[in-house]
Amino acid sequence: MSVHPLTSSHAIDPVALAKTHLAAAHRLAVLHELEEGIDNHFTVTMPGRDDRYLILPFGLHWSEARASDMIVFDESGATLEGEGAVELSAQCIHAPIHRICGVRVVLHTHQPWALVLNMLQDNRLLPANQTAAFFHGHIAYDDNYAGTADSLEEGERLAGLLGDKHIVFMKNHGVIVAGDNIGQAYKRLYKLERVCRTQVLALSTGRPIEVLSDGIVAQVQAPAASDRHTRAERERLFFEAMMRVLDRESPGYAD
């Protein structure tokens, strides 16, 4: 199968590529029912810079996101390139996480099944199936909702929780997912919603949940020596497939 033309850094300059992938992630979140209209936020560190970030300007619906819509902002909240403004909580949550944790992509949503789990007193994600096992040990938990984020100190606090993990479960709020690139981060976000859904459905039966042993979890997480595809290749192939879906269902994201 050929490489999707919008996943190759040789086909397009890095900033334009990042904008295109970011627009695709917003459109995919609509298809997968992970979004809340114009709210929540996805950010990417601007290629070639460590102190500037790409974001969809506040007020656009995620279903209409285009590469050309993306603006560049800094930690002060100033729009440096493009038209529109960054929403306050996006500035306060995302910029410090990028700066402190060094992650290139930060995705924050109130996606329903993850939020349902985070509304429970015991919101821990259990390694009770193969997909959930991949997340075990990579989730930080913020157990005290303190209201909407309106200061950089809140983002710094969340960055301290995230550390070198991939995900923050925000009690009574939502989730933060981080990654090295958009394909990796979006796959984590998508898979996370599915395992949260399966856990909530399992809990709804009222019957005990069978949790995998530590040994099996370790085996699942360890790359198999005979595997034909590296984890990075799997993430690339996943995002390529998802963009082919967009090409059919929601074209125009690359404009």
C-alpha atoms as a PDB file:
ATOM      1  CA  MET A   1       0.000   0.000   0.000  1.00  0.00           C
ATOM      2  CA  SER A   2       1.395   3.414  -0.942  1.00  0.00           C
ATOM      3  CA  VAL A   3       2.213   6.070   1.643  1.00  0.00           C
ATOM      4  CA  HIS A   4      -0.461   8.738   2.008  1.00  0.00           C
ATOM      5  CA  PRO A   5       1.003  11.914   0.436  1.00  0.00           C
ATOM      6  CA  LEU A   6       0.144  13.932   3.523  1.00  0.00           C
ATOM      7  CA  THR A   7       2.200  11.816   5.910  1.00  0.00           C
ATOM      8  CA  SER A   8       5.558  12.229   4.198  1.00  0.00           C
ATOM      9  CA  SER A   9       7.816  15.067   5.316  1.00  0.00           C
ATOM     10  CA  HIS A  10       9.470  14.829   1.873  1.00  0.00           C
ATOM     11  CA  ALA A  11       6.237  15.821   0.141  1.00  0.00           C
ATOM     12  CA  ILE A  12       5.488  18.999   2.070  1.00  0.00           C
ATOM     13  CA  ASP A  13       7.372  21.398   4.347  1.00  0.00           C
ATOM     14  CA  PRO A  14       7.299  20.502   8.074  1.00  0.00           C
ATOM     15  CA  VAL A  15       5.137  23.410   9.230  1.00  0.00           C
ATOM     16  CA  ALA A  16       2.564  22.849   6.486  1.00  0.00           C
ATOM     17  CA  LEU A  17       2.603  19.122   7.255  1.00  0.00           C
ATOM     18  CA  ALA A  18       1.982  19.769  10.960  1.00  0.00           C
ATOM     19  CA  LYS A  19      -0.913  22.096  10.138  1.00  0.00           C
ATOM     20  CA  THR A  20      -2.449  19.504   7.823  1.00  0.00           C
ATOM     21  CA  HIS A  21      -2.157  16.706  10.358  1.00  0.00           C
ATOM     22  CA  LEU A  22      -3.566  18.943  13.081  1.00  0.00           C
ATOM     23  CA  ALA A  23      -6.572  19.808  10.914  1.00  0.00           C
ATOM     24  CA  ALA A  24      -7.049  16.105  10.185  1.00  0.00           C
ATOM     25  CA  ALA A  25      -6.996  15.270  13.892  1.00  0.00           C
ATOM     26  CA  HIS A  26      -9.773  17.794  14.563  1.00  0.00           C
ATOM     27  CA  ARG A  27     -11.925  16.387  11.757  1.00  0.00           C
ATOM     28  CA  LEU A  28     -11.318  12.829  12.952  1.00  0.00           C
ATOM     29  CA  ALA A  29     -12.355  13.776  16.480  1.00  0.00           C
ATOM     30  CA  VAL A  30     -15.722  14.818  15.075  1.00  0.00           C
ATOM     31  CA  LEU A  31     -16.131  11.542  13.176  1.00  0.00           C
ATOM     32  CA  HIS A  32     -15.234   9.606  16.326  1.00  0.00           C
ATOM     33  CA  GLU A  33     -17.438  11.737  18.636  1.00  0.00           C
ATOM     34  CA  LEU A  34     -14.552  12.916  20.790  1.00  0.00           C
ATOM     35  CA  GLU A  35     -15.199  16.658  20.442  1.00  0.00           C
ATOM     36  CA  GLU A  36     -17.433  19.377  21.910  1.00  0.00           C
ATOM     37  CA  GLY A  37     -18.004  21.663  18.948  1.00  0.00           C
ATOM     38  CA  ILE A  38     -15.648  24.626  19.299  1.00  0.00           C
ATOM     39  CA  ASP A  39     -14.393  23.672  22.769  1.00  0.00           C
ATOM     40  CA  ASN A  40     -11.439  21.566  23.960  1.00  0.00           C
ATOM     41  CA  HIS A  41      -8.084  21.911  22.216  1.00  0.00           C
ATOM     42  CA  PHE A  42      -5.323  20.192  20.250  1.00  0.00           C
ATOM     43  CA  THR A  43      -1.864  21.765  19.981  1.00  0.00           C
ATOM     44  CA  VAL A  44       1.413  20.961  18.233  1.00  0.00           C
ATOM     45  CA  THR A  45       4.810  22.494  18.832  1.00  0.00           C
ATOM     46  CA  MET A  46       5.730  24.409  15.694  1.00  0.00           C
ATOM     47  CA  PRO A  47       8.472  22.564  13.761  1.00  0.00           C
ATOM     48  CA  GLY A  48      11.802  24.329  14.192  1.00  0.00           C
ATOM     49  CA  ARG A  49      10.695  26.104  17.376  1.00  0.00           C
ATOM     50  CA  ASP A  50      10.286  25.029  20.996  1.00  0.00           C
ATOM     51  CA  ASP A  51       8.385  28.105  22.175  1.00  0.00           C
ATOM     52  CA  ARG A  52       5.603  28.448  19.597  1.00  0.00           C
ATOM     53  CA  TYR A  53       2.542  26.293  19.115  1.00  0.00           C
ATOM     54  CA  LEU A  54      -0.045  25.579  16.432  1.00  0.00           C
ATOM     55  CA  ILE A  55      -3.750  25.558  17.285  1.00  0.00           C
ATOM     56  CA  LEU A  56      -7.150  25.941  15.654  1.00  0.00           C
ATOM     57  CA  PRO A  57      -8.366  29.462  16.546  1.00  0.00           C
ATOM     58  CA  PHE A  58     -11.214  29.555  19.029  1.00  0.00           C
ATOM     59  CA  GLY A  59     -14.656  29.812  17.461  1.00  0.00           C
ATOM     60  CA  LEU A  60     -14.229  27.424  14.549  1.00  0.00           C
ATOM     61  CA  HIS A  61     -16.119  24.143  14.697  1.00  0.00           C
ATOM     62  CA  TRP A  62     -13.777  21.177  14.579  1.00  0.00           C
ATOM     63  CA  SER A  63     -15.587  19.773  11.532  1.00  0.00           C
ATOM     64  CA  GLU A  64     -14.485  22.787   9.472  1.00  0.00           C
ATOM     65  CA  ALA A  65     -10.816  22.756  10.510  1.00  0.00           C
ATOM     66  CA  ARG A  66      -8.366  23.379   7.655  1.00  0.00           C
ATOM     67  CA  ALA A  67      -4.591  23.543   7.589  1.00  0.00           C
ATOM     68  CA  SER A  68      -4.775  27.194   6.527  1.00  0.00           C
ATOM     69  CA  ASP A  69      -6.861  28.054   9.617  1.00  0.00           C
ATOM     70  CA  MET A  70      -4.121  27.142  12.094  1.00  0.00           C
ATOM     71  CA  ILE A  71      -2.579  29.996  14.056  1.00  0.00           C
ATOM     72  CA  VAL A  72       0.738  30.243  15.877  1.00  0.00           C
ATOM     73  CA  PHE A  73       0.749  31.364  19.511  1.00  0.00           C
ATOM     74  CA  ASP A  74       3.198  31.592  22.381  1.00  0.00           C
ATOM     75  CA  GLU A  75       2.909  31.042  26.124  1.00  0.00           C
ATOM     76  CA  SER A  76       1.780  34.635  26.657  1.00  0.00           C
ATOM     77  CA  GLY A  77      -1.274  33.862  24.528  1.00  0.00           C
ATOM     78  CA  ALA A  78      -0.284  36.214  21.717  1.00  0.00           C
ATOM     79  CA  THR A  79      -1.218  35.232  18.169  1.00  0.00           C
ATOM     80  CA  LEU A  80       2.034  35.444  16.209  1.00  0.00           C
ATOM     81  CA  GLU A  81       0.821  34.150  12.846  1.00  0.00           C
ATOM     82  CA  GLY A  82      -2.622  33.736  11.318  1.00  0.00           C
ATOM     83  CA  GLU A  83      -6.030  35.134  12.163  1.00  0.00           C
ATOM     84  CA  GLY A  84      -7.916  34.497  15.382  1.00  0.00           C
ATOM     85  CA  ALA A  85      -7.104  33.932  19.029  1.00  0.00           C
ATOM     86  CA  VAL A  86      -6.155  31.072  21.315  1.00  0.00           C
ATOM     87  CA  GLU A  87      -8.741  30.244  23.991  1.00  0.00           C
ATOM     88  CA  LEU A  88      -7.516  31.004  27.527  1.00  0.00           C
ATOM     89  CA  SER A  89      -7.621  27.489  28.958  1.00  0.00           C
ATOM     90  CA  ALA A  90      -5.814  26.161  25.886  1.00  0.00           C
ATOM     91  CA  GLN A  91      -3.002  28.636  26.507  1.00  0.00           C
ATOM     92  CA  CYS A  92      -2.877  27.869  30.227  1.00  0.00           C
ATOM     93  CA  ILE A  93      -2.998  24.071  29.930  1.00  0.00           C
ATOM     94  CA  HIS A  94      -1.041  23.377  26.770  1.00  0.00           C
ATOM     95  CA  ALA A  95       1.866  25.828  26.663  1.00  0.00           C
ATOM     96  CA  PRO A  96       3.331  24.803  30.055  1.00  0.00           C
ATOM     97  CA  ILE A  97       2.956  21.106  29.250  1.00  0.00           C
ATOM     98  CA  HIS A  98       4.813  21.555  25.972  1.00  0.00           C
ATOM     99  CA  ARG A  99       7.544  23.577  27.708  1.00  0.00           C
ATOM    100  CA  ILE A 100       8.027  21.468  30.823  1.00  0.00           C
ATOM    101  CA  CYS A 101       7.449  17.951  29.465  1.00  0.00           C
ATOM    102  CA  GLY A 102       8.992  18.517  26.052  1.00  0.00           C
ATOM    103  CA  VAL A 103       6.122  16.776  24.250  1.00  0.00           C
ATOM    104  CA  ARG A 104       5.358  17.875  20.703  1.00  0.00           C
ATOM    105  CA  VAL A 105       1.608  17.184  20.731  1.00  0.00           C
ATOM    106  CA  VAL A 106      -0.974  17.785  23.469  1.00  0.00           C
ATOM    107  CA  LEU A 107      -4.612  16.746  23.002  1.00  0.00           C
ATOM    108  CA  HIS A 108      -7.261  17.692  25.557  1.00  0.00           C
ATOM    109  CA  THR A 109     -10.862  16.524  25.308  1.00  0.00           C
ATOM    110  CA  HIS A 110     -13.985  15.843  27.324  1.00  0.00           C
ATOM    111  CA  GLN A 111     -14.674  12.722  25.244  1.00  0.00           C
ATOM    112  CA  PRO A 112     -17.707  10.938  26.687  1.00  0.00           C
ATOM    113  CA  TRP A 113     -16.548   7.457  27.697  1.00  0.00           C
ATOM    114  CA  ALA A 114     -13.311   8.685  29.245  1.00  0.00           C
ATOM    115  CA  LEU A 115     -15.293  11.382  31.036  1.00  0.00           C
ATOM    116  CA  VAL A 116     -17.796   8.814  32.328  1.00  0.00           C
ATOM    117  CA  LEU A 117     -14.928   6.873  33.871  1.00  0.00           C
ATOM    118  CA  ASN A 118     -13.503  10.081  35.334  1.00  0.00           C
ATOM    119  CA  MET A 119     -16.834  10.845  36.987  1.00  0.00           C
ATOM    120  CA  LEU A 120     -16.537   7.722  39.138  1.00  0.00           C
ATOM    121  CA  GLN A 121     -14.915   7.782  42.549  1.00  0.00           C
ATOM    122  CA  ASP A 122     -12.630   4.975  41.394  1.00  0.00           C
ATOM    123  CA  ASN A 123     -11.616   6.123  37.917  1.00  0.00           C
ATOM    124  CA  ARG A 124      -8.551   3.918  37.396  1.00  0.00           C
ATOM    125  CA  LEU A 125      -8.257   2.299  33.996  1.00  0.00           C
ATOM    126  CA  LEU A 126      -7.871  -1.440  34.517  1.00  0.00           C
ATOM    127  CA  PRO A 127      -5.589  -3.643  32.377  1.00  0.00           C
ATOM    128  CA  ALA A 128      -8.477  -5.991  31.738  1.00  0.00           C
ATOM    129  CA  ASN A 129      -8.070  -6.463  27.986  1.00  0.00           C
ATOM    130  CA  GLN A 130      -5.242  -6.411  25.473  1.00  0.00           C
ATOM    131  CA  THR A 131      -5.711  -2.810  24.340  1.00  0.00           C
ATOM    132  CA  ALA A 132      -6.054  -1.514  27.894  1.00  0.00           C
ATOM    133  CA  ALA A 133      -2.827  -3.298  28.810  1.00  0.00           C
ATOM    134  CA  PHE A 134      -0.881  -0.964  26.512  1.00  0.00           C
ATOM    135  CA  PHE A 135      -1.951   1.989  28.689  1.00  0.00           C
ATOM    136  CA  HIS A 136      -0.999   0.405  32.012  1.00  0.00           C
ATOM    137  CA  GLY A 137       1.692   2.431  33.788  1.00  0.00           C
ATOM    138  CA  HIS A 138       1.416   5.315  31.339  1.00  0.00           C
ATOM    139  CA  ILE A 139      -1.490   7.194  32.951  1.00  0.00           C
ATOM    140  CA  ALA A 140      -1.219   9.901  35.619  1.00  0.00           C
ATOM    141  CA  TYR A 141      -4.276  10.734  37.720  1.00  0.00           C
ATOM    142  CA  ASP A 142      -5.418  14.201  38.751  1.00  0.00           C
ATOM    143  CA  ASP A 143      -7.879  13.403  41.521  1.00  0.00           C
ATOM    144  CA  ASN A 144      -8.907  16.935  42.518  1.00  0.00           C
ATOM    145  CA  TYR A 145     -10.832  19.037  40.031  1.00  0.00           C
ATOM    146  CA  ALA A 146     -10.081  22.691  40.745  1.00  0.00           C
ATOM    147  CA  GLY A 147     -12.286  24.412  38.169  1.00  0.00           C
ATOM    148  CA  THR A 148     -11.491  25.854  34.754  1.00  0.00           C
ATOM    149  CA  ALA A 149      -7.871  26.590  33.897  1.00  0.00           C
ATOM    150  CA  ASP A 150      -7.237  30.345  33.853  1.00  0.00           C
ATOM    151  CA  SER A 151      -3.551  30.608  34.811  1.00  0.00           C
ATOM    152  CA  LEU A 152      -0.269  29.156  33.593  1.00  0.00           C
ATOM    153  CA  GLU A 153       0.244  27.719  37.075  1.00  0.00           C
ATOM    154  CA  GLU A 154      -2.534  25.213  36.364  1.00  0.00           C
ATOM    155  CA  GLY A 155      -0.735  24.009  33.254  1.00  0.00           C
ATOM    156  CA  GLU A 156       2.502  23.743  35.230  1.00  0.00           C
ATOM    157  CA  ARG A 157       0.707  21.655  37.850  1.00  0.00           C
ATOM    158  CA  LEU A 158      -0.663  19.323  35.167  1.00  0.00           C
ATOM    159  CA  ALA A 159       2.775  19.087  33.563  1.00  0.00           C
ATOM    160  CA  GLY A 160       4.162  17.969  36.914  1.00  0.00           C
ATOM    161  CA  LEU A 161       1.560  15.202  37.012  1.00  0.00           C
ATOM    162  CA  LEU A 162       2.148  14.116  33.415  1.00  0.00           C
ATOM    163  CA  GLY A 163       5.938  13.856  33.735  1.00  0.00           C
ATOM    164  CA  ASP A 164       7.111  11.120  31.379  1.00  0.00           C
ATOM    165  CA  LYS A 165       3.694   9.468  31.065  1.00  0.00           C
ATOM    166  CA  HIS A 166       1.395   9.694  28.044  1.00  0.00           C
ATOM    167  CA  ILE A 167      -1.958  10.570  29.604  1.00  0.00           C
ATOM    168  CA  VAL A 168      -3.553  12.485  32.460  1.00  0.00           C
ATOM    169  CA  PHE A 169      -6.957  11.386  33.717  1.00  0.00           C
ATOM    170  CA  MET A 170      -8.625  14.551  35.032  1.00  0.00           C
ATOM    171  CA  LYS A 171     -11.261  13.693  37.639  1.00  0.00           C
ATOM    172  CA  ASN A 172     -14.666  15.251  36.822  1.00  0.00           C
ATOM    173  CA  HIS A 173     -13.131  16.876  33.747  1.00  0.00           C
ATOM    174  CA  GLY A 174     -11.591  14.908  30.869  1.00  0.00           C
ATOM    175  CA  VAL A 175      -8.246  13.686  29.598  1.00  0.00           C
ATOM    176  CA  ILE A 176      -4.924  14.995  28.329  1.00  0.00           C
ATOM    177  CA  VAL A 177      -2.999  12.864  25.843  1.00  0.00           C
ATOM    178  CA  ALA A 178       0.566  13.662  24.778  1.00  0.00           C
ATOM    179  CA  GLY A 179       2.740  12.333  21.990  1.00  0.00           C
ATOM    180  CA  ASP A 180       5.779  12.833  19.797  1.00  0.00           C
ATOM    181  CA  ASN A 181       3.693  13.387  16.675  1.00  0.00           C
ATOM    182  CA  ILE A 182       0.041  13.793  15.771  1.00  0.00           C
ATOM    183  CA  GLY A 183      -0.437  10.266  14.471  1.00  0.00           C
ATOM    184  CA  GLN A 184       0.905   8.762  17.684  1.00  0.00           C
ATOM    185  CA  ALA A 185      -1.080  11.079  19.953  1.00  0.00           C
ATOM    186  CA  TYR A 186      -4.330  10.674  18.041  1.00  0.00           C
ATOM    187  CA  LYS A 187      -4.056   6.888  18.041  1.00  0.00           C
ATOM    188  CA  ARG A 188      -3.613   7.017  21.822  1.00  0.00           C
ATOM    189  CA  LEU A 189      -6.656   9.288  22.172  1.00  0.00           C
ATOM    190  CA  TYR A 190      -8.825   7.093  19.928  1.00  0.00           C
ATOM    191  CA  LYS A 191      -7.810   3.824  21.581  1.00  0.00           C
ATOM    192  CA  LEU A 192      -8.217   5.354  25.039  1.00  0.00           C
ATOM    193  CA  GLU A 193     -11.850   6.199  24.372  1.00  0.00           C
ATOM    194  CA  ARG A 194     -12.535   2.649  23.254  1.00  0.00           C
ATOM    195  CA  VAL A 195     -10.985   1.016  26.321  1.00  0.00           C
ATOM    196  CA  CYS A 196     -12.793   3.441  28.624  1.00  0.00           C
ATOM    197  CA  ARG A 197     -16.038   2.452  26.912  1.00  0.00           C
ATOM    198  CA  THR A 198     -15.366  -1.264  27.327  1.00  0.00           C
ATOM    199  CA  GLN A 199     -14.536  -0.807  31.017  1.00  0.00           C
ATOM    200  CA  VAL A 200     -17.696   1.202  31.682  1.00  0.00           C
ATOM    201  CA  LEU A 201     -19.761  -1.434  29.854  1.00  0.00           C
ATOM    202  CA  ALA A 202     -18.092  -4.204  31.842  1.00  0.00           C
ATOM    203  CA  LEU A 203     -18.789  -2.343  35.100  1.00  0.00           C
ATOM    204  CA  SER A 204     -22.430  -1.967  34.078  1.00  0.00           C
ATOM    205  CA  THR A 205     -22.896  -5.736  34.218  1.00  0.00           C
ATOM    206  CA  GLY A 206     -22.281  -5.659  37.964  1.00  0.00           C
ATOM    207  CA  ARG A 207     -20.044  -8.707  37.667  1.00  0.00           C
ATOM    208  CA  PRO A 208     -16.350  -8.849  38.731  1.00  0.00           C
ATOM    209  CA  ILE A 209     -13.777  -7.749  36.162  1.00  0.00           C
ATOM    210  CA  GLU A 210     -10.899 -10.095  35.375  1.00  0.00           C
ATOM    211  CA  VAL A 211      -7.673  -8.043  35.416  1.00  0.00           C
ATOM    212  CA  LEU A 212      -4.594  -9.257  33.535  1.00  0.00           C
ATOM    213  CA  SER A 213      -1.536 -10.248  35.537  1.00  0.00           C
ATOM    214  CA  ASP A 214       1.544  -8.032  35.623  1.00  0.00           C
ATOM    215  CA  GLY A 215       3.426 -10.648  33.625  1.00  0.00           C
ATOM    216  CA  ILE A 216       0.879 -10.673  30.815  1.00  0.00           C
ATOM    217  CA  VAL A 217       0.755  -6.869  30.771  1.00  0.00           C
ATOM    218  CA  ALA A 218       4.538  -6.758  30.426  1.00  0.00           C
ATOM    219  CA  GLN A 219       4.389  -9.295  27.606  1.00  0.00           C
ATOM    220  CA  VAL A 220       1.740  -7.278  25.769  1.00  0.00           C
ATOM    221  CA  GLN A 221       3.733  -4.053  26.100  1.00  0.00           C
ATOM    222  CA  ALA A 222       7.058  -5.558  24.992  1.00  0.00           C
ATOM    223  CA  PRO A 223       7.677  -5.367  21.206  1.00  0.00           C
ATOM    224  CA  ALA A 224       7.857  -8.845  19.688  1.00  0.00           C
ATOM    225  CA  ALA A 225      11.207  -9.570  18.047  1.00  0.00           C
ATOM    226  CA  SER A 226       9.411 -11.211  15.124  1.00  0.00           C
ATOM    227  CA  ASP A 227       6.931  -8.350  14.564  1.00  0.00           C
ATOM    228  CA  ARG A 228       7.083  -7.071  10.980  1.00  0.00           C
ATOM    229  CA  HIS A 229       6.025  -3.563  12.010  1.00  0.00           C
ATOM    230  CA  THR A 230       7.576  -1.265  14.580  1.00  0.00           C
ATOM    231  CA  ARG A 231       5.311   0.694  16.881  1.00  0.00           C
ATOM    232  CA  ALA A 232       6.129   3.874  14.939  1.00  0.00           C
ATOM    233  CA  GLU A 233       5.132   2.178  11.678  1.00  0.00           C
ATOM    234  CA  ARG A 234       1.871   1.041  13.216  1.00  0.00           C
ATOM    235  CA  GLU A 235       1.124   4.624  14.315  1.00  0.00           C
ATOM    236  CA  ARG A 236       1.923   5.940  10.836  1.00  0.00           C
ATOM    237  CA  LEU A 237      -0.232   3.315   9.125  1.00  0.00           C
ATOM    238  CA  PHE A 238      -3.086   4.041  11.551  1.00  0.00           C
ATOM    239  CA  PHE A 239      -3.045   7.766  10.807  1.00  0.00           C
ATOM    240  CA  GLU A 240      -2.709   7.189   7.058  1.00  0.00           C
ATOM    241  CA  ALA A 241      -5.783   4.959   7.162  1.00  0.00           C
ATOM    242  CA  MET A 242      -7.695   7.558   9.154  1.00  0.00           C
ATOM    243  CA  MET A 243      -6.794  10.291   6.652  1.00  0.00           C
ATOM    244  CA  ARG A 244      -8.043   8.098   3.812  1.00  0.00           C
ATOM    245  CA  VAL A 245     -11.340   7.956   5.684  1.00  0.00           C
ATOM    246  CA  LEU A 246     -11.302  11.758   5.849  1.00  0.00           C
ATOM    247  CA  ASP A 247     -10.541  11.970   2.141  1.00  0.00           C
ATOM    248  CA  ARG A 248     -13.872  10.207   1.587  1.00  0.00           C
ATOM    249  CA  GLU A 249     -15.964  11.560   4.449  1.00  0.00           C
ATOM    250  CA  SER A 250     -14.627  15.046   5.165  1.00  0.00           C
ATOM    251  CA  PRO A 251     -12.384  16.354   2.365  1.00  0.00           C
ATOM    252  CA  GLY A 252     -10.852  19.819   2.538  1.00  0.00           C
ATOM    253  CA  TYR A 253      -8.847  19.514   5.757  1.00  0.00           C
ATOM    254  CA  ALA A 254      -5.572  20.009   3.862  1.00  0.00           C
ATOM    255  CA  ASP A 255      -6.688  23.300   2.267  1.00  0.00           C
END
